[in-house]
Each structure stands twice: as C-alpha cells, then as structure tokens.
C-alpha cells in the first residue's frame, strides 16, 4: 500500500495550518516504543513529502499511533485517519 501524507491540514477557518506528513513525522519521531528503525524511516520519508510503502499491519500500527497521539488535535487526526481508511 502507498501512503502519501502530502496534503494540507486546515483549521476551523479553512486556513492551512500544517502539512499532514510533516505533522505525523514529528509524532513518529517522538515515539518511545515500537520498531525504532521503521518509525524513524517513516518519519523521515513523510517529512520529505515522500510516499511510504506499507503492508496492512504497518497501516494498522500507523493508525493506532495517530489515534493515540495526545498532542494531536481532532482537526488533524480526523482528515489523516479518513485518508488512511481509503488506502488500499
């Protein structure tokens, strides 16, 4: 599966506040548990606006990390998780 988080996140006013991949790169880089090598590789790729190839278990793990990220608001989580639900 190809995951491309190179899209804008917008605030309630519709103004761009971040790029999804850059935001998630920070979340992944801050993880203290899990496969450190894989998570950092993903973080670096998303930050550089690259497409990341994942299998189904990787995609589930990414969704879990995003869902459980306490420092990410629903304004960011919702569009990212909705996008990830479309990845096949």
PDB file of N, CA and C in Angstrom:
ATOM      1  N   UNK A   1       0.832  -1.176   0.000  1.00  0.00           N
ATOM      2  CA  UNK A   1       0.000   0.000   0.000  1.00  0.00           C
ATOM      3  C   UNK A   1       0.884   1.249   0.000  1.00  0.00           C
ATOM      4  N   UNK A   2       0.445   2.253  -0.701  1.00  0.00           N
ATOM      5  CA  UNK A   2       1.188   3.502  -0.802  1.00  0.00           C
ATOM      6  C   UNK A   2       0.513   4.571   0.056  1.00  0.00           C
ATOM      7  N   UNK A   3       1.237   5.101   1.032  1.00  0.00           N
ATOM      8  CA  UNK A   3       0.698   6.131   1.916  1.00  0.00           C
ATOM      9  C   UNK A   3       1.369   7.458   1.577  1.00  0.00           C
ATOM     10  N   UNK A   4       0.558   8.424   1.178  1.00  0.00           N
ATOM     11  CA  UNK A   4       1.049   9.740   0.782  1.00  0.00           C
ATOM     12  C   UNK A   4       0.357  10.799   1.654  1.00  0.00           C
ATOM     13  N   UNK A   5       1.072  11.289   2.642  1.00  0.00           N
ATOM     14  CA  UNK A   5       0.518  12.287   3.559  1.00  0.00           C
ATOM     15  C   UNK A   5       0.867  13.711   3.153  1.00  0.00           C
ATOM     16  N   UNK A   6       1.147  13.901   1.883  1.00  0.00           N
ATOM     17  CA  UNK A   6       1.489  15.230   1.381  1.00  0.00           C
ATOM     18  C   UNK A   6       0.219  16.006   1.034  1.00  0.00           C
ATOM     19  N   UNK A   7      -0.539  16.360   2.084  1.00  0.00           N
ATOM     20  CA  UNK A   7      -1.724  17.191   1.881  1.00  0.00           C
ATOM     21  C   UNK A   7      -1.852  18.154   3.052  1.00  0.00           C
ATOM     22  N   UNK A   8      -2.535  19.258   2.785  1.00  0.00           N
ATOM     23  CA  UNK A   8      -2.672  20.307   3.791  1.00  0.00           C
ATOM     24  C   UNK A   8      -3.728  19.960   4.833  1.00  0.00           C
ATOM     25  N   UNK A   9      -3.459  20.371   6.054  1.00  0.00           N
ATOM     26  CA  UNK A   9      -4.435  20.325   7.131  1.00  0.00           C
ATOM     27  C   UNK A   9      -4.895  21.755   7.361  1.00  0.00           C
ATOM     28  N   UNK A  10      -6.189  21.939   7.550  1.00  0.00           N
ATOM     29  CA  UNK A  10      -6.730  23.287   7.718  1.00  0.00           C
ATOM     30  C   UNK A  10      -7.430  23.419   9.060  1.00  0.00           C
ATOM     31  N   UNK A  11      -7.459  24.653   9.558  1.00  0.00           N
ATOM     32  CA  UNK A  11      -8.144  24.961  10.803  1.00  0.00           C
ATOM     33  C   UNK A  11      -9.635  25.132  10.570  1.00  0.00           C
ATOM     34  N   UNK A  12     -10.339  25.476  11.609  1.00  0.00           N
ATOM     35  CA  UNK A  12     -11.784  25.685  11.513  1.00  0.00           C
ATOM     36  C   UNK A  12     -12.138  26.790  10.525  1.00  0.00           C
ATOM     37  N   UNK A  13     -11.218  27.725  10.341  1.00  0.00           N
ATOM     38  CA  UNK A  13     -11.455  28.832   9.412  1.00  0.00           C
ATOM     39  C   UNK A  13     -11.067  28.500   7.972  1.00  0.00           C
ATOM     40  N   UNK A  14     -10.610  27.264   7.736  1.00  0.00           N
ATOM     41  CA  UNK A  14     -10.234  26.851   6.394  1.00  0.00           C
ATOM     42  C   UNK A  14      -8.843  27.248   5.971  1.00  0.00           C
ATOM     43  N   UNK A  15      -8.084  27.856   6.869  1.00  0.00           N
ATOM     44  CA  UNK A  15      -6.723  28.294   6.561  1.00  0.00           C
ATOM     45  C   UNK A  15      -5.743  27.156   6.869  1.00  0.00           C
ATOM     46  N   UNK A  16      -4.788  26.961   5.955  1.00  0.00           N
ATOM     47  CA  UNK A  16      -3.781  25.916   6.128  1.00  0.00           C
ATOM     48  C   UNK A  16      -3.014  26.128   7.431  1.00  0.00           C
ATOM     49  N   UNK A  17      -2.891  25.044   8.212  1.00  0.00           N
ATOM     50  CA  UNK A  17      -2.130  25.119   9.459  1.00  0.00           C
ATOM     51  C   UNK A  17      -0.904  24.204   9.452  1.00  0.00           C
ATOM     52  N   UNK A  18      -0.911  23.184   8.604  1.00  0.00           N
ATOM     53  CA  UNK A  18       0.217  22.246   8.565  1.00  0.00           C
ATOM     54  C   UNK A  18       0.081  21.346   7.346  1.00  0.00           C
ATOM     55  N   UNK A  19       1.148  20.613   7.072  1.00  0.00           N
ATOM     56  CA  UNK A  19       1.127  19.539   6.082  1.00  0.00           C
ATOM     57  C   UNK A  19       1.040  18.244   6.881  1.00  0.00           C
ATOM     58  N   UNK A  20       0.126  17.379   6.511  1.00  0.00           N
ATOM     59  CA  UNK A  20      -0.119  16.153   7.276  1.00  0.00           C
ATOM     60  C   UNK A  20       1.158  15.344   7.507  1.00  0.00           C
ATOM     61  N   UNK A  21       1.943  15.153   6.472  1.00  0.00           N
ATOM     62  CA  UNK A  21       3.157  14.345   6.598  1.00  0.00           C
ATOM     63  C   UNK A  21       4.169  14.935   7.561  1.00  0.00           C
ATOM     64  N   UNK A  22       4.321  16.238   7.542  1.00  0.00           N
ATOM     65  CA  UNK A  22       5.266  16.886   8.450  1.00  0.00           C
ATOM     66  C   UNK A  22       4.797  16.754   9.891  1.00  0.00           C
ATOM     67  N   UNK A  23       3.502  16.905  10.111  1.00  0.00           N
ATOM     68  CA  UNK A  23       2.958  16.759  11.458  1.00  0.00           C
ATOM     69  C   UNK A  23       3.156  15.331  11.964  1.00  0.00           C
ATOM     70  N   UNK A  24       2.812  14.346  11.139  1.00  0.00           N
ATOM     71  CA  UNK A  24       2.935  12.952  11.549  1.00  0.00           C
ATOM     72  C   UNK A  24       4.397  12.547  11.683  1.00  0.00           C
ATOM     73  N   UNK A  25       5.267  13.153  10.912  1.00  0.00           N
ATOM     74  CA  UNK A  25       6.707  12.887  11.074  1.00  0.00           C
ATOM     75  C   UNK A  25       7.148  13.222  12.492  1.00  0.00           C
ATOM     76  N   UNK A  26       6.680  14.347  13.015  1.00  0.00           N
ATOM     77  CA  UNK A  26       7.003  14.729  14.380  1.00  0.00           C
ATOM     78  C   UNK A  26       6.441  13.758  15.400  1.00  0.00           C
ATOM     79  N   UNK A  27       5.223  13.300  15.163  1.00  0.00           N
ATOM     80  CA  UNK A  27       4.601  12.325  16.061  1.00  0.00           C
ATOM     81  C   UNK A  27       5.408  11.025  16.062  1.00  0.00           C
ATOM     82  N   UNK A  28       5.767  10.552  14.883  1.00  0.00           N
ATOM     83  CA  UNK A  28       6.529   9.299  14.779  1.00  0.00           C
ATOM     84  C   UNK A  28       7.912   9.430  15.411  1.00  0.00           C
ATOM     85  N   UNK A  29       8.565  10.556  15.191  1.00  0.00           N
ATOM     86  CA  UNK A  29       9.911  10.764  15.732  1.00  0.00           C
ATOM     87  C   UNK A  29       9.897  10.845  17.257  1.00  0.00           C
ATOM     88  N   UNK A  30       8.763  11.172  17.841  1.00  0.00           N
ATOM     89  CA  UNK A  30       8.653  11.302  19.300  1.00  0.00           C
ATOM     90  C   UNK A  30       8.279   9.992  19.992  1.00  0.00           C
ATOM     91  N   UNK A  31       8.043   8.936  19.218  1.00  0.00           N
ATOM     92  CA  UNK A  31       7.654   7.659  19.821  1.00  0.00           C
ATOM     93  C   UNK A  31       8.797   7.081  20.656  1.00  0.00           C
ATOM     94  N   UNK A  32       8.439   6.443  21.758  1.00  0.00           N
ATOM     95  CA  UNK A  32       9.445   5.824  22.625  1.00  0.00           C
ATOM     96  C   UNK A  32       9.352   4.305  22.617  1.00  0.00           C
ATOM     97  N   UNK A  33       8.324   3.772  21.968  1.00  0.00           N
ATOM     98  CA  UNK A  33       8.135   2.325  21.882  1.00  0.00           C
ATOM     99  C   UNK A  33       7.870   1.948  20.438  1.00  0.00           C
ATOM    100  N   UNK A  34       8.137   0.702  20.125  1.00  0.00           N
ATOM    101  CA  UNK A  34       7.897   0.219  18.772  1.00  0.00           C
ATOM    102  C   UNK A  34       9.196   0.013  18.024  1.00  0.00           C
ATOM    103  N   UNK A  35       9.086  -0.281  16.758  1.00  0.00           N
ATOM    104  CA  UNK A  35      10.230  -0.539  15.884  1.00  0.00           C
ATOM    105  C   UNK A  35      10.889   0.798  15.533  1.00  0.00           C
ATOM    106  N   UNK A  36      11.918   1.148  16.289  1.00  0.00           N
ATOM    107  CA  UNK A  36      12.553   2.461  16.167  1.00  0.00           C
ATOM    108  C   UNK A  36      13.052   2.739  14.748  1.00  0.00           C
ATOM    109  N   UNK A  37      13.633   1.753  14.118  1.00  0.00           N
ATOM    110  CA  UNK A  37      14.179   1.951  12.775  1.00  0.00           C
ATOM    111  C   UNK A  37      13.061   2.247  11.787  1.00  0.00           C
ATOM    112  N   UNK A  38      11.995   1.446  11.830  1.00  0.00           N
ATOM    113  CA  UNK A  38      10.875   1.640  10.905  1.00  0.00           C
ATOM    114  C   UNK A  38      10.195   2.982  11.155  1.00  0.00           C
ATOM    115  N   UNK A  39       9.946   3.307  12.411  1.00  0.00           N
ATOM    116  CA  UNK A  39       9.251   4.551  12.731  1.00  0.00           C
ATOM    117  C   UNK A  39      10.061   5.770  12.295  1.00  0.00           C
ATOM    118  N   UNK A  40      11.370   5.733  12.503  1.00  0.00           N
ATOM    119  CA  UNK A  40      12.200   6.863  12.070  1.00  0.00           C
ATOM    120  C   UNK A  40      12.266   6.940  10.548  1.00  0.00           C
ATOM    121  N   UNK A  41      12.344   5.797   9.878  1.00  0.00           N
ATOM    122  CA  UNK A  41      12.331   5.801   8.408  1.00  0.00           C
ATOM    123  C   UNK A  41      11.052   6.428   7.883  1.00  0.00           C
ATOM    124  N   UNK A  42       9.916   6.050   8.474  1.00  0.00           N
ATOM    125  CA  UNK A  42       8.639   6.640   8.074  1.00  0.00           C
ATOM    126  C   UNK A  42       8.651   8.142   8.329  1.00  0.00           C
ATOM    127  N   UNK A  43       9.114   8.528   9.513  1.00  0.00           N
ATOM    128  CA  UNK A  43       9.129   9.946   9.879  1.00  0.00           C
ATOM    129  C   UNK A  43       9.947  10.759   8.878  1.00  0.00           C
ATOM    130  N   UNK A  44      11.122  10.282   8.559  1.00  0.00           N
ATOM    131  CA  UNK A  44      11.978  11.000   7.614  1.00  0.00           C
ATOM    132  C   UNK A  44      11.322  11.085   6.231  1.00  0.00           C
ATOM    133  N   UNK A  45      10.720   9.992   5.792  1.00  0.00           N
ATOM    134  CA  UNK A  45      10.071   9.981   4.476  1.00  0.00           C
ATOM    135  C   UNK A  45       8.870  10.920   4.435  1.00  0.00           C
ATOM    136  N   UNK A  46       8.009  10.847   5.461  1.00  0.00           N
ATOM    137  CA  UNK A  46       6.840  11.735   5.479  1.00  0.00           C
ATOM    138  C   UNK A  46       7.276  13.197   5.549  1.00  0.00           C
ATOM    139  N   UNK A  47       8.317  13.485   6.320  1.00  0.00           N
ATOM    140  CA  UNK A  47       8.785  14.868   6.435  1.00  0.00           C
ATOM    141  C   UNK A  47       9.284  15.394   5.092  1.00  0.00           C
ATOM    142  N   UNK A  48       9.903  14.516   4.298  1.00  0.00           N
ATOM    143  CA  UNK A  48      10.417  14.900   2.984  1.00  0.00           C
ATOM    144  C   UNK A  48       9.338  14.813   1.898  1.00  0.00           C
ATOM    145  N   UNK A  49       8.086  14.583   2.314  1.00  0.00           N
ATOM    146  CA  UNK A  49       6.935  14.514   1.403  1.00  0.00           C
ATOM    147  C   UNK A  49       7.026  13.341   0.434  1.00  0.00           C
ATOM    148  N   UNK A  50       7.606  12.258   0.891  1.00  0.00           N
ATOM    149  CA  UNK A  50       7.716  11.050   0.083  1.00  0.00           C
ATOM    150  C   UNK A  50       6.553  10.109   0.373  1.00  0.00           C
ATOM    151  N   UNK A  51       6.270   9.249  -0.569  1.00  0.00           N
ATOM    152  CA  UNK A  51       5.259   8.206  -0.401  1.00  0.00           C
ATOM    153  C   UNK A  51       5.917   7.029   0.314  1.00  0.00           C
ATOM    154  N   UNK A  52       5.208   6.461   1.298  1.00  0.00           N
ATOM    155  CA  UNK A  52       5.733   5.353   2.083  1.00  0.00           C
ATOM    156  C   UNK A  52       4.955   4.087   1.749  1.00  0.00           C
ATOM    157  N   UNK A  53       5.668   3.021   1.454  1.00  0.00           N
ATOM    158  CA  UNK A  53       5.049   1.731   1.185  1.00  0.00           C
ATOM    159  C   UNK A  53       4.883   0.976   2.498  1.00  0.00           C
ATOM    160  N   UNK A  54       3.664   0.505   2.743  1.00  0.00           N
ATOM    161  CA  UNK A  54       3.357  -0.224   3.975  1.00  0.00           C
ATOM    162  C   UNK A  54       2.519  -1.443   3.645  1.00  0.00           C
ATOM    163  N   UNK A  55       2.602  -2.440   4.527  1.00  0.00           N
ATOM    164  CA  UNK A  55       1.670  -3.553   4.425  1.00  0.00           C
ATOM    165  C   UNK A  55       0.505  -3.283   5.375  1.00  0.00           C
ATOM    166  N   UNK A  56      -0.453  -4.174   5.407  1.00  0.00           N
ATOM    167  CA  UNK A  56      -1.666  -3.962   6.205  1.00  0.00           C
ATOM    168  C   UNK A  56      -1.361  -3.789   7.690  1.00  0.00           C
ATOM    169  N   UNK A  57      -0.419  -4.563   8.217  1.00  0.00           N
ATOM    170  CA  UNK A  57      -0.098  -4.451   9.650  1.00  0.00           C
ATOM    171  C   UNK A  57       0.592  -3.121   9.956  1.00  0.00           C
ATOM    172  N   UNK A  58       1.412  -2.632   9.026  1.00  0.00           N
ATOM    173  CA  UNK A  58       2.041  -1.320   9.205  1.00  0.00           C
ATOM    174  C   UNK A  58       0.990  -0.217   9.232  1.00  0.00           C
ATOM    175  N   UNK A  59       0.024  -0.312   8.332  1.00  0.00           N
ATOM    176  CA  UNK A  59      -1.029   0.693   8.261  1.00  0.00           C
ATOM    177  C   UNK A  59      -1.850   0.717   9.558  1.00  0.00           C
ATOM    178  N   UNK A  60      -2.144  -0.447  10.089  1.00  0.00           N
ATOM    179  CA  UNK A  60      -2.870  -0.533  11.364  1.00  0.00           C
ATOM    180  C   UNK A  60      -2.059   0.126  12.469  1.00  0.00           C
ATOM    181  N   UNK A  61      -0.764  -0.141  12.505  1.00  0.00           N
ATOM    182  CA  UNK A  61       0.105   0.447  13.529  1.00  0.00           C
ATOM    183  C   UNK A  61       0.135   1.969  13.400  1.00  0.00           C
ATOM    184  N   UNK A  62       0.248   2.471  12.179  1.00  0.00           N
ATOM    185  CA  UNK A  62       0.266   3.920  11.958  1.00  0.00           C
ATOM    186  C   UNK A  62      -1.035   4.548  12.450  1.00  0.00           C
ATOM    187  N   UNK A  63      -2.157   3.920  12.129  1.00  0.00           N
ATOM    188  CA  UNK A  63      -3.455   4.427  12.589  1.00  0.00           C
ATOM    189  C   UNK A  63      -3.517   4.458  14.116  1.00  0.00           C
ATOM    190  N   UNK A  64      -3.006   3.422  14.770  1.00  0.00           N
ATOM    191  CA  UNK A  64      -3.005   3.366  16.234  1.00  0.00           C
ATOM    192  C   UNK A  64      -2.171   4.499  16.823  1.00  0.00           C
ATOM    193  N   UNK A  65      -1.006   4.722  16.249  1.00  0.00           N
ATOM    194  CA  UNK A  65      -0.128   5.787  16.739  1.00  0.00           C
ATOM    195  C   UNK A  65      -0.824   7.134  16.620  1.00  0.00           C
ATOM    196  N   UNK A  66      -1.439   7.380  15.472  1.00  0.00           N
ATOM    197  CA  UNK A  66      -2.122   8.659  15.260  1.00  0.00           C
ATOM    198  C   UNK A  66      -3.323   8.785  16.194  1.00  0.00           C
ATOM    199  N   UNK A  67      -4.113   7.751  16.290  1.00  0.00           N
ATOM    200  CA  UNK A  67      -5.293   7.783  17.158  1.00  0.00           C
ATOM    201  C   UNK A  67      -4.936   8.044  18.612  1.00  0.00           C
ATOM    202  N   UNK A  68      -3.808   7.499  19.051  1.00  0.00           N
ATOM    203  CA  UNK A  68      -3.399   7.613  20.452  1.00  0.00           C
ATOM    204  C   UNK A  68      -2.500   8.809  20.740  1.00  0.00           C
ATOM    205  N   UNK A  69      -2.149   9.583  19.729  1.00  0.00           N
ATOM    206  CA  UNK A  69      -1.264  10.740  19.920  1.00  0.00           C
ATOM    207  C   UNK A  69      -2.001  11.820  20.705  1.00  0.00           C
ATOM    208  N   UNK A  70      -1.566  12.045  21.916  1.00  0.00           N
ATOM    209  CA  UNK A  70      -2.239  13.007  22.784  1.00  0.00           C
ATOM    210  C   UNK A  70      -1.946  14.457  22.413  1.00  0.00           C
ATOM    211  N   UNK A  71      -0.891  14.688  21.663  1.00  0.00           N
ATOM    212  CA  UNK A  71      -0.530  16.050  21.294  1.00  0.00           C
ATOM    213  C   UNK A  71      -1.037  16.452  19.907  1.00  0.00           C
ATOM    214  N   UNK A  72      -1.940  15.649  19.343  1.00  0.00           N
ATOM    215  CA  UNK A  72      -2.519  15.952  18.036  1.00  0.00           C
ATOM    216  C   UNK A  72      -4.023  16.122  18.210  1.00  0.00           C
ATOM    217  N   UNK A  73      -4.536  17.233  17.711  1.00  0.00           N
ATOM    218  CA  UNK A  73      -5.962  17.524  17.869  1.00  0.00           C
ATOM    219  C   UNK A  73      -6.805  16.758  16.849  1.00  0.00           C
ATOM    220  N   UNK A  74      -8.106  16.742  17.102  1.00  0.00           N
ATOM    221  CA  UNK A  74      -9.018  16.074  16.167  1.00  0.00           C
ATOM    222  C   UNK A  74      -9.053  16.777  14.814  1.00  0.00           C
ATOM    223  N   UNK A  75      -8.715  18.063  14.772  1.00  0.00           N
ATOM    224  CA  UNK A  75      -8.650  18.771  13.488  1.00  0.00           C
ATOM    225  C   UNK A  75      -7.613  18.152  12.561  1.00  0.00           C
ATOM    226  N   UNK A  76      -6.566  17.587  13.133  1.00  0.00           N
ATOM    227  CA  UNK A  76      -5.540  16.921  12.333  1.00  0.00           C
ATOM    228  C   UNK A  76      -5.804  15.426  12.224  1.00  0.00           C
ATOM    229  N   UNK A  77      -6.187  14.809  13.333  1.00  0.00           N
ATOM    230  CA  UNK A  77      -6.400  13.357  13.320  1.00  0.00           C
ATOM    231  C   UNK A  77      -7.476  12.939  12.328  1.00  0.00           C
ATOM    232  N   UNK A  78      -8.586  13.639  12.339  1.00  0.00           N
ATOM    233  CA  UNK A  78      -9.726  13.228  11.521  1.00  0.00           C
ATOM    234  C   UNK A  78      -9.402  13.140  10.024  1.00  0.00           C
ATOM    235  N   UNK A  79      -8.870  14.192   9.394  1.00  0.00           N
ATOM    236  CA  UNK A  79      -8.596  14.067   7.952  1.00  0.00           C
ATOM    237  C   UNK A  79      -7.516  13.031   7.647  1.00  0.00           C
ATOM    238  N   UNK A  80      -6.544  12.891   8.532  1.00  0.00           N
ATOM    239  CA  UNK A  80      -5.483  11.907   8.291  1.00  0.00           C
ATOM    240  C   UNK A  80      -6.043  10.495   8.394  1.00  0.00           C
ATOM    241  N   UNK A  81      -6.814  10.225   9.449  1.00  0.00           N
ATOM    242  CA  UNK A  81      -7.389   8.891   9.620  1.00  0.00           C
ATOM    243  C   UNK A  81      -8.393   8.578   8.510  1.00  0.00           C
ATOM    244  N   UNK A  82      -9.159   9.569   8.080  1.00  0.00           N
ATOM    245  CA  UNK A  82     -10.086   9.361   6.965  1.00  0.00           C
ATOM    246  C   UNK A  82      -9.319   8.996   5.699  1.00  0.00           C
ATOM    247  N   UNK A  83      -8.215   9.693   5.460  1.00  0.00           N
ATOM    248  CA  UNK A  83      -7.387   9.369   4.288  1.00  0.00           C
ATOM    249  C   UNK A  83      -6.844   7.945   4.404  1.00  0.00           C
ATOM    250  N   UNK A  84      -6.309   7.588   5.574  1.00  0.00           N
ATOM    251  CA  UNK A  84      -5.721   6.261   5.750  1.00  0.00           C
ATOM    252  C   UNK A  84      -6.759   5.149   5.553  1.00  0.00           C
ATOM    253  N   UNK A  85      -8.022   5.438   5.862  1.00  0.00           N
ATOM    254  CA  UNK A  85      -9.085   4.463   5.631  1.00  0.00           C
ATOM    255  C   UNK A  85      -9.316   4.192   4.139  1.00  0.00           C
ATOM    256  N   UNK A  86      -8.870   5.112   3.274  1.00  0.00           N
ATOM    257  CA  UNK A  86      -9.053   4.936   1.833  1.00  0.00           C
ATOM    258  C   UNK A  86      -7.873   4.201   1.177  1.00  0.00           C
ATOM    259  N   UNK A  87      -6.774   4.075   1.916  1.00  0.00           N
ATOM    260  CA  UNK A  87      -5.563   3.452   1.349  1.00  0.00           C
ATOM    261  C   UNK A  87      -5.796   1.950   1.198  1.00  0.00           C
ATOM    262  N   UNK A  88      -5.511   1.473   0.004  1.00  0.00           N
ATOM    263  CA  UNK A  88      -5.684   0.032  -0.270  1.00  0.00           C
ATOM    264  C   UNK A  88      -4.448  -0.526  -0.909  1.00  0.00           C
TER     265      UNK A  88
END
